[in-house]
PDB file of N, CA and C in Angstrom:
ATOM      1  N   MET A   1       1.663   3.616 -21.519  1.00  0.00           N
ATOM      2  CA  MET A   1       2.380   3.733 -20.253  1.00  0.00           C
ATOM      3  C   MET A   1       3.874   3.577 -20.511  1.00  0.00           C
ATOM      4  N   HIS A   2       4.625   4.484 -19.982  1.00  0.00           N
ATOM      5  CA  HIS A   2       6.077   4.444 -20.140  1.00  0.00           C
ATOM      6  C   HIS A   2       6.659   3.446 -19.156  1.00  0.00           C
ATOM      7  N   ILE A   3       7.514   2.572 -19.632  1.00  0.00           N
ATOM      8  CA  ILE A   3       8.022   1.481 -18.785  1.00  0.00           C
ATOM      9  C   ILE A   3       8.843   1.989 -17.599  1.00  0.00           C
ATOM     10  N   LEU A   4       9.580   3.075 -17.740  1.00  0.00           N
ATOM     11  CA  LEU A   4      10.411   3.569 -16.647  1.00  0.00           C
ATOM     12  C   LEU A   4       9.584   4.076 -15.478  1.00  0.00           C
ATOM     13  N   LYS A   5       8.350   4.492 -15.726  1.00  0.00           N
ATOM     14  CA  LYS A   5       7.506   4.965 -14.633  1.00  0.00           C
ATOM     15  C   LYS A   5       7.089   3.820 -13.719  1.00  0.00           C
ATOM     16  N   SER A   6       7.106   2.592 -14.199  1.00  0.00           N
ATOM     17  CA  SER A   6       6.685   1.464 -13.379  1.00  0.00           C
ATOM     18  C   SER A   6       7.833   0.867 -12.565  1.00  0.00           C
ATOM     19  N   ILE A   7       9.051   1.308 -12.816  1.00  0.00           N
ATOM     20  CA  ILE A   7      10.214   0.812 -12.074  1.00  0.00           C
ATOM     21  C   ILE A   7      10.436   1.716 -10.870  1.00  0.00           C
ATOM     22  N   PRO A   8      10.391   1.152  -9.641  1.00  0.00           N
ATOM     23  CA  PRO A   8      10.571   2.001  -8.458  1.00  0.00           C
ATOM     24  C   PRO A   8      11.999   2.535  -8.367  1.00  0.00           C
ATOM     25  N   SER A   9      12.132   3.776  -7.920  1.00  0.00           N
ATOM     26  CA  SER A   9      13.462   4.340  -7.726  1.00  0.00           C
ATOM     27  C   SER A   9      14.034   3.792  -6.423  1.00  0.00           C
ATOM     28  N   LEU A  10      15.326   3.986  -6.226  1.00  0.00           N
ATOM     29  CA  LEU A  10      15.957   3.519  -4.992  1.00  0.00           C
ATOM     30  C   LEU A  10      15.312   4.155  -3.768  1.00  0.00           C
ATOM     31  N   ALA A  11      14.870   5.388  -3.891  1.00  0.00           N
ATOM     32  CA  ALA A  11      14.251   6.077  -2.754  1.00  0.00           C
ATOM     33  C   ALA A  11      12.914   5.455  -2.362  1.00  0.00           C
ATOM     34  N   ASP A  12      12.265   4.764  -3.296  1.00  0.00           N
ATOM     35  CA  ASP A  12      10.957   4.170  -3.033  1.00  0.00           C
ATOM     36  C   ASP A  12      11.046   2.739  -2.501  1.00  0.00           C
ATOM     37  N   LYS A  13      12.204   2.125  -2.597  1.00  0.00           N
ATOM     38  CA  LYS A  13      12.345   0.718  -2.204  1.00  0.00           C
ATOM     39  C   LYS A  13      12.472   0.577  -0.692  1.00  0.00           C
ATOM     40  N   ILE A  14      11.814  -0.441  -0.148  1.00  0.00           N
ATOM     41  CA  ILE A  14      11.950  -0.708   1.287  1.00  0.00           C
ATOM     42  C   ILE A  14      13.049  -1.729   1.542  1.00  0.00           C
ATOM     43  N   ALA A  15      13.427  -2.481   0.506  1.00  0.00           N
ATOM     44  CA  ALA A  15      14.499  -3.472   0.625  1.00  0.00           C
ATOM     45  C   ALA A  15      15.464  -3.263  -0.533  1.00  0.00           C
ATOM     46  N   LEU A  16      16.748  -3.339  -0.218  1.00  0.00           N
ATOM     47  CA  LEU A  16      17.794  -3.072  -1.197  1.00  0.00           C
ATOM     48  C   LEU A  16      18.675  -4.293  -1.407  1.00  0.00           C
ATOM     49  N   ARG A  17      19.020  -4.554  -2.656  1.00  0.00           N
ATOM     50  CA  ARG A  17      20.023  -5.578  -2.937  1.00  0.00           C
ATOM     51  C   ARG A  17      21.377  -5.025  -2.508  1.00  0.00           C
ATOM     52  N   ILE A  18      22.345  -5.885  -2.355  1.00  0.00           N
ATOM     53  CA  ILE A  18      23.662  -5.469  -1.858  1.00  0.00           C
ATOM     54  C   ILE A  18      24.255  -4.329  -2.691  1.00  0.00           C
ATOM     55  N   PRO A  19      24.270  -4.424  -4.026  1.00  0.00           N
ATOM     56  CA  PRO A  19      24.839  -3.305  -4.792  1.00  0.00           C
ATOM     57  C   PRO A  19      24.080  -1.986  -4.585  1.00  0.00           C
ATOM     58  N   GLU A  20      22.766  -2.066  -4.422  1.00  0.00           N
ATOM     59  CA  GLU A  20      21.976  -0.864  -4.161  1.00  0.00           C
ATOM     60  C   GLU A  20      22.288  -0.295  -2.786  1.00  0.00           C
ATOM     61  N   ALA A  21      22.383  -1.151  -1.780  1.00  0.00           N
ATOM     62  CA  ALA A  21      22.718  -0.710  -0.426  1.00  0.00           C
ATOM     63  C   ALA A  21      24.108  -0.084  -0.406  1.00  0.00           C
ATOM     64  N   SER A  22      25.020  -0.645  -1.165  1.00  0.00           N
ATOM     65  CA  SER A  22      26.365  -0.088  -1.274  1.00  0.00           C
ATOM     66  C   SER A  22      26.313   1.308  -1.884  1.00  0.00           C
ATOM     67  N   HIS A  23      25.529   1.447  -2.924  1.00  0.00           N
ATOM     68  CA  HIS A  23      25.416   2.732  -3.621  1.00  0.00           C
ATOM     69  C   HIS A  23      24.838   3.814  -2.718  1.00  0.00           C
ATOM     70  N   VAL A  24      23.744   3.518  -2.032  1.00  0.00           N
ATOM     71  CA  VAL A  24      23.086   4.553  -1.228  1.00  0.00           C
ATOM     72  C   VAL A  24      23.825   4.852   0.073  1.00  0.00           C
ATOM     73  N   SER A  25      24.577   3.880   0.597  1.00  0.00           N
ATOM     74  CA  SER A  25      25.254   4.088   1.878  1.00  0.00           C
ATOM     75  C   SER A  25      26.691   4.565   1.733  1.00  0.00           C
ATOM     76  N   GLY A  26      27.303   4.271   0.601  1.00  0.00           N
ATOM     77  CA  GLY A  26      28.714   4.602   0.431  1.00  0.00           C
ATOM     78  C   GLY A  26      29.643   3.532   0.985  1.00  0.00           C
ATOM     79  N   LEU A  27      29.066   2.460   1.533  1.00  0.00           N
ATOM     80  CA  LEU A  27      29.867   1.344   2.034  1.00  0.00           C
ATOM     81  C   LEU A  27      30.133   0.371   0.892  1.00  0.00           C
ATOM     82  N   SER A  28      31.285  -0.276   0.915  1.00  0.00           N
ATOM     83  CA  SER A  28      31.595  -1.241  -0.139  1.00  0.00           C
ATOM     84  C   SER A  28      30.759  -2.509   0.039  1.00  0.00           C
ATOM     85  N   ARG A  29      30.643  -3.249  -1.047  1.00  0.00           N
ATOM     86  CA  ARG A  29      29.920  -4.519  -0.981  1.00  0.00           C
ATOM     87  C   ARG A  29      30.564  -5.435   0.045  1.00  0.00           C
ATOM     88  N   SER A  30      31.899  -5.501   0.040  1.00  0.00           N
ATOM     89  CA  SER A  30      32.584  -6.399   0.975  1.00  0.00           C
ATOM     90  C   SER A  30      32.361  -5.962   2.422  1.00  0.00           C
ATOM     91  N   LYS A  31      32.293  -4.659   2.673  1.00  0.00           N
ATOM     92  CA  LYS A  31      32.017  -4.179   4.026  1.00  0.00           C
ATOM     93  C   LYS A  31      30.604  -4.562   4.455  1.00  0.00           C
ATOM     94  N   LEU A  32      29.643  -4.459   3.542  1.00  0.00           N
ATOM     95  CA  LEU A  32      28.276  -4.861   3.862  1.00  0.00           C
ATOM     96  C   LEU A  32      28.210  -6.344   4.209  1.00  0.00           C
ATOM     97  N   TYR A  33      28.871  -7.177   3.417  1.00  0.00           N
ATOM     98  CA  TYR A  33      28.886  -8.614   3.713  1.00  0.00           C
ATOM     99  C   TYR A  33      29.583  -8.886   5.051  1.00  0.00           C
ATOM    100  N   GLU A  34      30.633  -8.137   5.348  1.00  0.00           N
ATOM    101  CA  GLU A  34      31.327  -8.289   6.632  1.00  0.00           C
ATOM    102  C   GLU A  34      30.395  -7.939   7.791  1.00  0.00           C
ATOM    103  N   LEU A  35      29.676  -6.830   7.674  1.00  0.00           N
ATOM    104  CA  LEU A  35      28.741  -6.415   8.719  1.00  0.00           C
ATOM    105  C   LEU A  35      27.625  -7.435   8.908  1.00  0.00           C
ATOM    106  N   ILE A  36      27.146  -7.984   7.809  1.00  0.00           N
ATOM    107  CA  ILE A  36      26.108  -9.021   7.878  1.00  0.00           C
ATOM    108  C   ILE A  36      26.654 -10.257   8.574  1.00  0.00           C
ATOM    109  N   GLY A  37      27.857 -10.675   8.188  1.00  0.00           N
ATOM    110  CA  GLY A  37      28.487 -11.854   8.788  1.00  0.00           C
ATOM    111  C   GLY A  37      28.760 -11.687  10.271  1.00  0.00           C
ATOM    112  N   ASP A  38      29.110 -10.458  10.673  1.00  0.00           N
ATOM    113  CA  ASP A  38      29.387 -10.170  12.088  1.00  0.00           C
ATOM    114  C   ASP A  38      28.115  -9.947  12.906  1.00  0.00           C
ATOM    115  N   GLY A  39      26.957  -9.960  12.245  1.00  0.00           N
ATOM    116  CA  GLY A  39      25.697  -9.747  12.940  1.00  0.00           C
ATOM    117  C   GLY A  39      25.419  -8.288  13.274  1.00  0.00           C
ATOM    118  N   LYS A  40      26.157  -7.365  12.672  1.00  0.00           N
ATOM    119  CA  LYS A  40      25.964  -5.937  12.947  1.00  0.00           C
ATOM    120  C   LYS A  40      24.916  -5.303  12.037  1.00  0.00           C
ATOM    121  N   LEU A  41      24.625  -5.975  10.924  1.00  0.00           N
ATOM    122  CA  LEU A  41      23.625  -5.486   9.973  1.00  0.00           C
ATOM    123  C   LEU A  41      22.745  -6.660   9.586  1.00  0.00           C
ATOM    124  N   HIS A  42      21.458  -6.494   9.780  1.00  0.00           N
ATOM    125  CA  HIS A  42      20.511  -7.566   9.487  1.00  0.00           C
ATOM    126  C   HIS A  42      20.193  -7.595   8.001  1.00  0.00           C
ATOM    127  N   SER A  43      20.079  -8.793   7.456  1.00  0.00           N
ATOM    128  CA  SER A  43      19.646  -8.955   6.069  1.00  0.00           C
ATOM    129  C   SER A  43      18.691 -10.132   5.995  1.00  0.00           C
ATOM    130  N   VAL A  44      17.981 -10.214   4.893  1.00  0.00           N
ATOM    131  CA  VAL A  44      17.052 -11.319   4.658  1.00  0.00           C
ATOM    132  C   VAL A  44      17.357 -11.915   3.296  1.00  0.00           C
ATOM    133  N   LYS A  45      16.989 -13.164   3.133  1.00  0.00           N
ATOM    134  CA  LYS A  45      17.132 -13.814   1.839  1.00  0.00           C
ATOM    135  C   LYS A  45      15.721 -14.047   1.310  1.00  0.00           C
ATOM    136  N   ALA A  46      15.432 -13.476   0.156  1.00  0.00           N
ATOM    137  CA  ALA A  46      14.112 -13.614  -0.444  1.00  0.00           C
ATOM    138  C   ALA A  46      14.266 -13.737  -1.950  1.00  0.00           C
ATOM    139  N   GLY A  47      13.616 -14.716  -2.512  1.00  0.00           N
ATOM    140  CA  GLY A  47      13.686 -14.899  -3.949  1.00  0.00           C
ATOM    141  C   GLY A  47      15.087 -15.155  -4.457  1.00  0.00           C
ATOM    142  N   GLY A  48      15.905 -15.788  -3.631  1.00  0.00           N
ATOM    143  CA  GLY A  48      17.277 -16.084  -4.029  1.00  0.00           C
ATOM    144  C   GLY A  48      18.218 -14.889  -3.948  1.00  0.00           C
ATOM    145  N   ARG A  49      17.736 -13.791  -3.389  1.00  0.00           N
ATOM    146  CA  ARG A  49      18.558 -12.589  -3.283  1.00  0.00           C
ATOM    147  C   ARG A  49      18.745 -12.199  -1.834  1.00  0.00           C
ATOM    148  N   ARG A  50      19.904 -11.677  -1.530  1.00  0.00           N
ATOM    149  CA  ARG A  50      20.180 -11.129  -0.207  1.00  0.00           C
ATOM    150  C   ARG A  50      19.696  -9.682  -0.215  1.00  0.00           C
ATOM    151  N   LEU A  51      18.809  -9.346   0.711  1.00  0.00           N
ATOM    152  CA  LEU A  51      18.249  -8.009   0.777  1.00  0.00           C
ATOM    153  C   LEU A  51      18.509  -7.391   2.141  1.00  0.00           C
ATOM    154  N   ILE A  52      18.700  -6.097   2.133  1.00  0.00           N
ATOM    155  CA  ILE A  52      18.834  -5.341   3.372  1.00  0.00           C
ATOM    156  C   ILE A  52      17.658  -4.378   3.419  1.00  0.00           C
ATOM    157  N   LEU A  53      16.882  -4.450   4.486  1.00  0.00           N
ATOM    158  CA  LEU A  53      15.771  -3.513   4.637  1.00  0.00           C
ATOM    159  C   LEU A  53      16.339  -2.112   4.842  1.00  0.00           C
ATOM    160  N   ARG A  54      15.751  -1.154   4.162  1.00  0.00           N
ATOM    161  CA  ARG A  54      16.235   0.224   4.240  1.00  0.00           C
ATOM    162  C   ARG A  54      16.299   0.690   5.696  1.00  0.00           C
ATOM    163  N   GLN A  55      15.284   0.335   6.494  1.00  0.00           N
ATOM    164  CA  GLN A  55      15.275   0.772   7.893  1.00  0.00           C
ATOM    165  C   GLN A  55      16.437   0.170   8.673  1.00  0.00           C
ATOM    166  N   ASP A  56      16.861  -1.063   8.346  1.00  0.00           N
ATOM    167  CA  ASP A  56      18.002  -1.672   9.027  1.00  0.00           C
ATOM    168  C   ASP A  56      19.302  -0.980   8.638  1.00  0.00           C
ATOM    169  N   LEU A  57      19.436  -0.619   7.368  1.00  0.00           N
ATOM    170  CA  LEU A  57      20.628   0.098   6.912  1.00  0.00           C
ATOM    171  C   LEU A  57      20.694   1.476   7.565  1.00  0.00           C
ATOM    172  N   GLU A  58      19.571   2.162   7.610  1.00  0.00           N
ATOM    173  CA  GLU A  58      19.532   3.482   8.241  1.00  0.00           C
ATOM    174  C   GLU A  58      19.837   3.388   9.736  1.00  0.00           C
ATOM    175  N   ALA A  59      19.317   2.361  10.394  1.00  0.00           N
ATOM    176  CA  ALA A  59      19.572   2.181  11.822  1.00  0.00           C
ATOM    177  C   ALA A  59      21.052   1.906  12.079  1.00  0.00           C
ATOM    178  N   TYR A  60      21.662   1.064  11.230  1.00  0.00           N
ATOM    179  CA  TYR A  60      23.095   0.792  11.392  1.00  0.00           C
ATOM    180  C   TYR A  60      23.900   2.091  11.234  1.00  0.00           C
ATOM    181  N   LEU A  61      23.608   2.849  10.193  1.00  0.00           N
ATOM    182  CA  LEU A  61      24.355   4.083   9.965  1.00  0.00           C
ATOM    183  C   LEU A  61      24.144   5.092  11.079  1.00  0.00           C
ATOM    184  N   ALA A  62      22.930   5.155  11.629  1.00  0.00           N
ATOM    185  CA  ALA A  62      22.648   6.048  12.751  1.00  0.00           C
ATOM    186  C   ALA A  62      23.439   5.625  13.985  1.00  0.00           C
ATOM    187  N   SER A  63      23.613   4.318  14.181  1.00  0.00           N
ATOM    188  CA  SER A  63      24.385   3.851  15.337  1.00  0.00           C
ATOM    189  C   SER A  63      25.859   4.222  15.194  1.00  0.00           C
ATOM    190  N   CYS A  64      26.340   4.293  13.978  1.00  0.00           N
ATOM    191  CA  CYS A  64      27.730   4.705  13.750  1.00  0.00           C
ATOM    192  C   CYS A  64      27.917   6.172  14.105  1.00  0.00           C
ATOM    193  N   LYS A  65      26.914   6.974  13.827  1.00  0.00           N
ATOM    194  CA  LYS A  65      26.963   8.406  14.122  1.00  0.00           C
ATOM    195  C   LYS A  65      27.048   8.624  15.629  1.00  0.00           C
ATOM    196  N   GLU A  66      26.315   7.820  16.382  1.00  0.00           N
ATOM    197  CA  GLU A  66      26.287   7.959  17.830  1.00  0.00           C
ATOM    198  C   GLU A  66      27.626   7.592  18.445  1.00  0.00           C
ATOM    199  N   VAL A  67      28.330   6.639  17.852  1.00  0.00           N
ATOM    200  CA  VAL A  67      29.611   6.175  18.386  1.00  0.00           C
ATOM    201  C   VAL A  67      30.726   7.142  18.015  1.00  0.00           C
ATOM    202  N   ALA A  68      30.672   7.689  16.824  1.00  0.00           N
ATOM    203  CA  ALA A  68      31.772   8.522  16.302  1.00  0.00           C
ATOM    204  C   ALA A  68      31.942   9.815  16.996  1.00  0.00           C
TER     205      ALA A  68
END
């Protein structure tokens, strides 16, 4: 078994670490932390890591589209 096949791609993950969320959204890490601090983006802490559920990130970005 090839080890890379067992590692989920970003597209398969339901929860993203901050650097991953930054990469897929185009938002900076500091902007993500700001949104979390302001209560505009929900995150969870699990296993000592701050995670953003993909659906929450997508919902936040969709809300920006509606306002713009």
